[in-house]
Every structure is written in C-alpha cells, then in structure tokens.
Amino acid sequence: MIRQFQIVIYPILQAACFVASWQLSALSWIASASLLLLAAAFMCFTLHISVHEVVHHWRWTSHQWVRRPVESLLSCLIGLPYNIYRLSHWNHHRYNNQLDDFTSTWKLVDGKPAPRNRWTYTLLWIFNNRALFDHTRYAGETAKTDRRWVLADALVLLAFIGFLFMTNITLGLLFLALNYFGWVLIFFMNYGQHPPVDYDRVMAVSHSSKAYNLIFFNNGLHHEHHVAPSKPIRDLVTDHKAPAIKRSHLLHGLFHPDSTDQP
C-alpha cells in the first residue's frame, strides 16, 4: 500500500496544481504562475520518486499491452519519453556520475574531470541531454526494441502536446513551461545528489533527516541507493559513514552545491 501511494501521490499533486494553474490563468497570472511553479516542484518529485520507483522495480506485470500505455502516460507526466529516462537512468547507475554518465555533474577539461557549472547544467538542461539522444539513436548497445519504444513514447507525447494546444493555446503553453521549469528543478536535485566535489571518492551524497525521509519515501538516502540500486528505496537503511549534506538534495543543489559534510 505504501509503495502504491509513493507512486501516485506526486503525479496527482502535479496534475492538480497544473490544472489549477490553467483555470486561474485568465483571472490572476500571479496565482497561475505560483501554482505552475508548485506543479514543477511536484514534477521534480514525480520523476525522482514515483517514476524512479517504476524504473527500478517494475514487477507487477510483464504484459506489454498493460505496460506500454502506462509508460506512455508517464511520458506525458515528465515531458520526456519514458524509455529515454529509463535508458538514461540505467547509464547513470552504470557510471555513477563519472564522465560517461549522461547526467554527470563533471566535464572533461584539459584531460581531467572538472565540475560543471550548475547554472548551465540546470537552466540549459535540454542541451545536456544531447548525448543521451545521440546514444539512443545511434549506439549499437541500445536494442532496436528500446529505440522503437522511445519513438512510440515520443509520438504519444507529441500527440498529447498537440491535443493540449488544439484544446487551448494557454493550456499548451503552460504545459511547455511546466516541463521546462520541472526539469530545471530535476537537474538541480541531481546536482545536489551528486555535487562535483571529489571525482574519485564521492559518487552520491545523502540527506539523512528522518522527517524528510519519512515524507519523501527515503529519497534522501541517495548514496545508499547507489550502493544497492536493486533494493527497494523503502528498505534502505541510513549509512552514517556515507558522504552527507545537511539540506535536502534540491535545496543543496539550489543554494550550496559545492560541499559535503564528510564523515
């Protein structure tokens, strides 16, 4: 029951705030924009908690006729083909924020790893995904079936966006704004989860607040998740020797991304 609640709560909150933002757009742009930013924050948790759980622990059905519609629905929630995220996240765990990780907070400068600028990393996130799209399109290790699923997800997402614009132009524009700001926050959280402070030693950091991890389903235990990615998030136990931060990952990425509280 907890796991089902974990999967659905943030998408529901995201959708509710988005619809409310649209409904208020003709009455108050301040209220509409505030609700849109709140929807973007919930979208950040939709990806980092709900969709992340589906990617790691999709076990409830092997029937493609059930999985495919759900994956297409998730594509509309995160504004990105679901299977693009699935492949990216597999790559993320394969390389653990090293240079070959598509979402790495490091870059190669003069033959050595150097921290990526957090503002270009987050605000220009769409350009950071270029390597991922190239990999999905061309790399031999990406199965043809995966590429077809990515294409199917993309077509569903484009059709959904087209439907929103045909229904109401403001609705379509708000959806595009939601996706942009939602992914800005997603990349800020990733920056907070993987601050580029020690290339050889710190692959991920944790926020061990009991209250935070109770509310956000152990989302703060990110180092522990990287150590045991196959373990359900709810079963993780705090490692007090893990690299740690005092703020949540999102706030750490936003305000203080260049340090950890080393044990």
Protein backbone atom coordinates (compact mmCIF):
# COMPACT_ATOMS: atom_id res chain seq x y z
CA MET A 1 0.00 0.00 0.00
CA ILE A 2 2.83 2.41 0.87
CA ARG A 3 4.54 1.69 -2.45
CA GLN A 4 1.35 2.39 -4.44
CA PHE A 5 0.88 5.66 -2.55
CA GLN A 6 4.51 6.54 -3.24
CA ILE A 7 3.99 6.06 -6.97
CA VAL A 8 0.74 8.02 -7.36
CA ILE A 9 0.84 10.87 -4.84
CA TYR A 10 3.24 13.23 -6.62
CA PRO A 11 1.76 12.79 -10.12
CA ILE A 12 -1.67 13.56 -8.65
CA LEU A 13 -0.39 16.69 -6.90
CA GLN A 14 1.48 17.74 -10.05
CA ALA A 15 -1.61 17.34 -12.25
CA ALA A 16 -3.88 19.09 -9.73
CA CYS A 17 -1.60 22.15 -9.48
CA PHE A 18 -1.21 22.27 -13.25
CA VAL A 19 -4.95 22.20 -13.89
CA ALA A 20 -5.50 24.84 -11.18
CA SER A 21 -2.80 27.00 -12.81
CA TRP A 22 -4.65 26.80 -16.12
CA GLN A 23 -8.03 27.54 -14.55
CA LEU A 24 -6.65 30.65 -12.84
CA SER A 25 -4.64 31.88 -15.84
CA ALA A 26 -7.44 34.17 -17.03
CA LEU A 27 -8.04 35.57 -13.54
CA SER A 28 -4.60 36.06 -12.00
CA TRP A 29 -1.26 35.43 -13.65
CA ILE A 30 0.45 35.68 -10.28
CA ALA A 31 -1.67 32.87 -8.84
CA SER A 32 -1.34 30.89 -12.06
CA ALA A 33 2.45 31.23 -12.15
CA SER A 34 2.72 30.32 -8.46
CA LEU A 35 0.69 27.15 -8.98
CA LEU A 36 2.70 26.32 -12.09
CA LEU A 37 5.95 26.54 -10.12
CA LEU A 38 4.40 24.35 -7.42
CA ALA A 39 3.42 21.86 -10.13
CA ALA A 40 7.03 21.96 -11.37
CA ALA A 41 8.24 21.14 -7.85
CA PHE A 42 5.85 18.19 -7.69
CA MET A 43 7.04 17.15 -11.15
CA CYS A 44 10.57 17.02 -9.75
CA PHE A 45 9.41 14.53 -7.13
CA THR A 46 7.25 12.70 -9.66
CA LEU A 47 10.44 11.86 -11.54
CA HIS A 48 12.84 11.39 -8.62
CA ILE A 49 10.43 9.33 -6.50
CA SER A 50 7.45 7.96 -8.45
CA VAL A 51 8.90 7.31 -11.92
CA HIS A 52 12.23 6.36 -10.36
CA GLU A 53 10.45 3.63 -8.38
CA VAL A 54 8.78 2.33 -11.54
CA VAL A 55 12.10 2.24 -13.40
CA HIS A 56 13.82 0.24 -10.68
CA HIS A 57 11.03 -2.04 -9.55
CA TRP A 58 8.51 -2.59 -12.33
CA ARG A 59 7.39 -6.07 -11.30
CA TRP A 60 3.61 -6.00 -11.28
CA THR A 61 3.10 -7.10 -14.89
CA SER A 62 5.05 -8.47 -17.85
CA HIS A 63 2.20 -7.83 -20.30
CA GLN A 64 3.25 -5.24 -22.87
CA TRP A 65 -0.36 -4.27 -23.57
CA VAL A 66 -0.54 -3.06 -19.96
CA ARG A 67 2.98 -1.66 -19.59
CA ARG A 68 3.10 0.34 -22.79
CA PRO A 69 0.07 2.58 -22.10
CA VAL A 70 1.33 3.22 -18.56
CA GLU A 71 4.80 4.12 -19.87
CA SER A 72 3.22 6.49 -22.40
CA LEU A 73 1.21 8.10 -19.59
CA LEU A 74 4.41 8.58 -17.62
CA SER A 75 5.96 10.22 -20.69
CA CYS A 76 3.21 12.84 -20.57
CA LEU A 77 3.79 13.40 -16.86
CA ILE A 78 7.54 14.00 -17.16
CA GLY A 79 7.51 15.68 -20.59
CA LEU A 80 10.12 13.22 -21.89
CA PRO A 81 9.78 9.77 -23.45
CA TYR A 82 9.71 7.36 -20.50
CA ASN A 83 12.15 4.99 -22.14
CA ILE A 84 14.62 7.82 -22.68
CA TYR A 85 14.64 8.31 -18.93
CA ARG A 86 14.85 4.56 -18.32
CA LEU A 87 17.93 4.23 -20.55
CA SER A 88 19.48 7.36 -19.08
CA HIS A 89 18.97 6.09 -15.55
CA TRP A 90 20.50 2.73 -16.41
CA ASN A 91 23.51 4.62 -17.76
CA HIS A 92 23.55 6.78 -14.62
CA HIS A 93 23.90 3.76 -12.36
CA ARG A 94 26.39 2.14 -14.70
CA TYR A 95 28.82 5.06 -14.42
CA ASN A 96 27.76 6.63 -11.08
CA ASN A 97 28.21 10.28 -12.08
CA GLN A 98 31.54 9.64 -13.82
CA LEU A 99 32.25 11.28 -17.16
CA ASP A 100 30.42 8.64 -19.22
CA ASP A 101 27.24 9.28 -17.24
CA PHE A 102 24.91 11.36 -19.45
CA THR A 103 23.76 13.38 -16.42
CA SER A 104 27.20 13.70 -14.82
CA THR A 105 27.95 16.88 -12.90
CA TRP A 106 31.52 16.59 -14.19
CA LYS A 107 33.03 17.52 -17.55
CA LEU A 108 36.41 16.88 -19.16
CA VAL A 109 38.74 19.91 -19.15
CA ASP A 110 42.35 19.56 -20.34
CA GLY A 111 42.10 15.81 -19.92
CA LYS A 112 40.91 15.99 -16.31
CA PRO A 113 37.46 15.94 -14.65
CA ALA A 114 36.22 19.38 -13.69
CA PRO A 115 32.92 20.48 -12.07
CA ARG A 116 30.17 21.54 -14.42
CA ASN A 117 28.71 24.98 -13.85
CA ARG A 118 25.44 24.42 -12.01
CA TRP A 119 23.62 27.22 -13.85
CA THR A 120 24.36 25.96 -17.35
CA TYR A 121 23.82 22.41 -16.10
CA THR A 122 20.34 23.22 -14.81
CA LEU A 123 18.96 26.14 -16.84
CA LEU A 124 20.26 24.73 -20.14
CA TRP A 125 19.30 21.16 -19.31
CA ILE A 126 17.89 20.46 -22.76
CA PHE A 127 21.37 20.75 -24.28
CA ASN A 128 22.81 18.45 -21.63
CA ASN A 129 20.57 15.67 -22.95
CA ARG A 130 22.05 15.78 -26.45
CA ALA A 131 24.46 12.92 -25.78
CA LEU A 132 21.60 10.82 -24.46
CA PHE A 133 19.51 11.35 -27.59
CA ASP A 134 22.50 10.59 -29.82
CA HIS A 135 23.20 7.42 -27.85
CA THR A 136 19.59 6.28 -28.09
CA ARG A 137 19.52 6.90 -31.81
CA TYR A 138 22.89 5.53 -32.87
CA ALA A 139 24.59 3.36 -30.25
CA GLY A 140 24.75 -0.32 -31.04
CA GLU A 141 24.29 -1.35 -27.42
CA THR A 142 20.80 0.18 -27.40
CA ALA A 143 18.43 -2.54 -28.56
CA LYS A 144 16.18 -1.89 -31.56
CA THR A 145 13.20 -2.66 -29.32
CA ASP A 146 14.28 0.11 -26.93
CA ARG A 147 14.60 2.57 -29.78
CA ARG A 148 11.12 1.67 -31.02
CA TRP A 149 9.70 2.20 -27.54
CA VAL A 150 11.43 5.56 -27.30
CA LEU A 151 9.90 6.54 -30.64
CA ALA A 152 6.45 5.34 -29.55
CA ASP A 153 6.70 7.33 -26.32
CA ALA A 154 7.81 10.41 -28.25
CA LEU A 155 4.89 10.15 -30.66
CA VAL A 156 2.42 9.82 -27.79
CA LEU A 157 3.98 12.83 -26.05
CA LEU A 158 3.88 14.95 -29.21
CA ALA A 159 0.26 13.94 -29.81
CA PHE A 160 -0.59 14.91 -26.23
CA ILE A 161 1.08 18.31 -26.61
CA GLY A 162 -0.75 18.83 -29.90
CA PHE A 163 -4.04 17.95 -28.22
CA LEU A 164 -3.39 20.49 -25.45
CA PHE A 165 -2.67 23.26 -27.97
CA MET A 166 -5.77 22.40 -30.01
CA THR A 167 -7.84 22.46 -26.83
CA ASN A 168 -6.46 25.76 -25.58
CA ILE A 169 -3.29 27.64 -26.56
CA THR A 170 -2.73 28.81 -22.99
CA LEU A 171 -3.01 25.22 -21.78
CA GLY A 172 -0.34 24.12 -24.26
CA LEU A 173 2.00 26.98 -23.34
CA LEU A 174 1.59 26.26 -19.64
CA PHE A 175 2.46 22.62 -20.27
CA LEU A 176 5.67 23.59 -22.06
CA ALA A 177 6.54 25.98 -19.21
CA LEU A 178 5.81 23.22 -16.68
CA ASN A 179 8.19 20.87 -18.47
CA TYR A 180 10.96 23.44 -18.66
CA PHE A 181 10.83 24.51 -15.01
CA GLY A 182 10.14 20.98 -13.82
CA TRP A 183 13.33 19.74 -15.48
CA VAL A 184 15.28 22.72 -14.16
CA LEU A 185 14.38 21.55 -10.65
CA ILE A 186 15.07 17.92 -11.57
CA PHE A 187 18.59 18.86 -12.65
CA PHE A 188 19.09 21.00 -9.54
CA MET A 189 18.16 17.97 -7.42
CA ASN A 190 20.54 15.76 -9.40
CA TYR A 191 23.28 18.34 -8.84
CA GLY A 192 22.54 18.21 -5.11
CA GLN A 193 22.57 14.41 -5.14
CA HIS A 194 25.91 14.33 -6.97
CA PRO A 195 27.85 17.51 -6.06
CA PRO A 196 31.11 17.63 -8.03
CA VAL A 197 33.42 17.83 -5.02
CA ASP A 198 35.58 14.69 -5.26
CA TYR A 199 35.61 12.78 -8.56
CA ASP A 200 37.29 9.66 -7.22
CA ARG A 201 35.51 9.35 -3.88
CA VAL A 202 32.04 10.92 -3.83
CA MET A 203 29.61 9.35 -6.30
CA ALA A 204 26.49 10.43 -4.39
CA VAL A 205 25.57 12.11 -1.11
CA SER A 206 22.75 11.53 1.35
CA HIS A 207 20.41 13.65 3.44
CA SER A 208 19.60 11.56 6.49
CA SER A 209 16.83 13.63 8.11
CA LYS A 210 14.27 11.15 9.48
CA ALA A 211 11.38 13.53 8.88
CA TYR A 212 12.42 14.21 5.29
CA ASN A 213 12.88 10.52 4.50
CA LEU A 214 9.55 9.65 6.11
CA ILE A 215 7.71 12.20 3.98
CA PHE A 216 9.66 11.55 0.79
CA PHE A 217 9.99 7.76 1.00
CA ASN A 218 13.74 7.60 1.76
CA ASN A 219 14.54 9.84 -1.19
CA GLY A 220 17.30 11.41 0.90
CA LEU A 221 19.31 8.16 1.11
CA HIS A 222 20.87 8.58 -2.31
CA HIS A 223 24.34 7.26 -1.52
CA GLU A 224 22.75 4.13 -0.08
CA HIS A 225 20.63 3.80 -3.21
CA HIS A 226 23.72 3.88 -5.44
CA VAL A 227 25.41 1.26 -3.29
CA ALA A 228 22.38 -1.06 -3.60
CA PRO A 229 20.29 0.11 -6.60
CA SER A 230 18.28 -3.11 -6.77
CA LYS A 231 17.00 -2.70 -3.21
CA PRO A 232 13.57 -1.02 -2.87
CA ILE A 233 14.01 2.54 -1.67
CA ARG A 234 11.71 1.94 1.30
CA ASP A 235 14.08 -0.79 2.55
CA LEU A 236 17.20 1.39 2.62
CA VAL A 237 18.91 1.99 5.96
CA THR A 238 20.94 5.11 6.74
CA ASP A 239 24.68 4.63 6.39
CA HIS A 240 26.15 7.11 8.88
CA LYS A 241 29.55 6.82 7.17
CA ALA A 242 28.15 7.99 3.82
CA PRO A 243 29.02 11.43 2.40
CA ALA A 244 26.24 13.64 3.75
CA ILE A 245 24.59 17.02 3.34
CA LYS A 246 22.53 18.98 5.86
CA ARG A 247 19.95 20.30 3.39
CA SER A 248 17.69 18.27 1.13
CA HIS A 249 19.19 17.46 -2.28
CA LEU A 250 17.05 20.04 -4.07
CA LEU A 251 17.96 22.85 -1.67
CA HIS A 252 21.61 21.75 -1.71
CA GLY A 253 21.66 21.94 -5.50
CA LEU A 254 19.96 25.33 -5.46
CA PHE A 255 21.93 27.06 -2.72
CA HIS A 256 25.06 25.22 -1.62
CA PRO A 257 26.24 22.69 -4.21
CA ASP A 258 29.99 22.73 -3.64
CA SER A 259 30.39 20.93 -0.33
CA THR A 260 29.52 17.86 1.69
CA ASP A 261 29.65 17.09 5.38
CA GLN A 262 32.25 14.36 5.22
CA PRO A 263 32.11 11.70 7.95
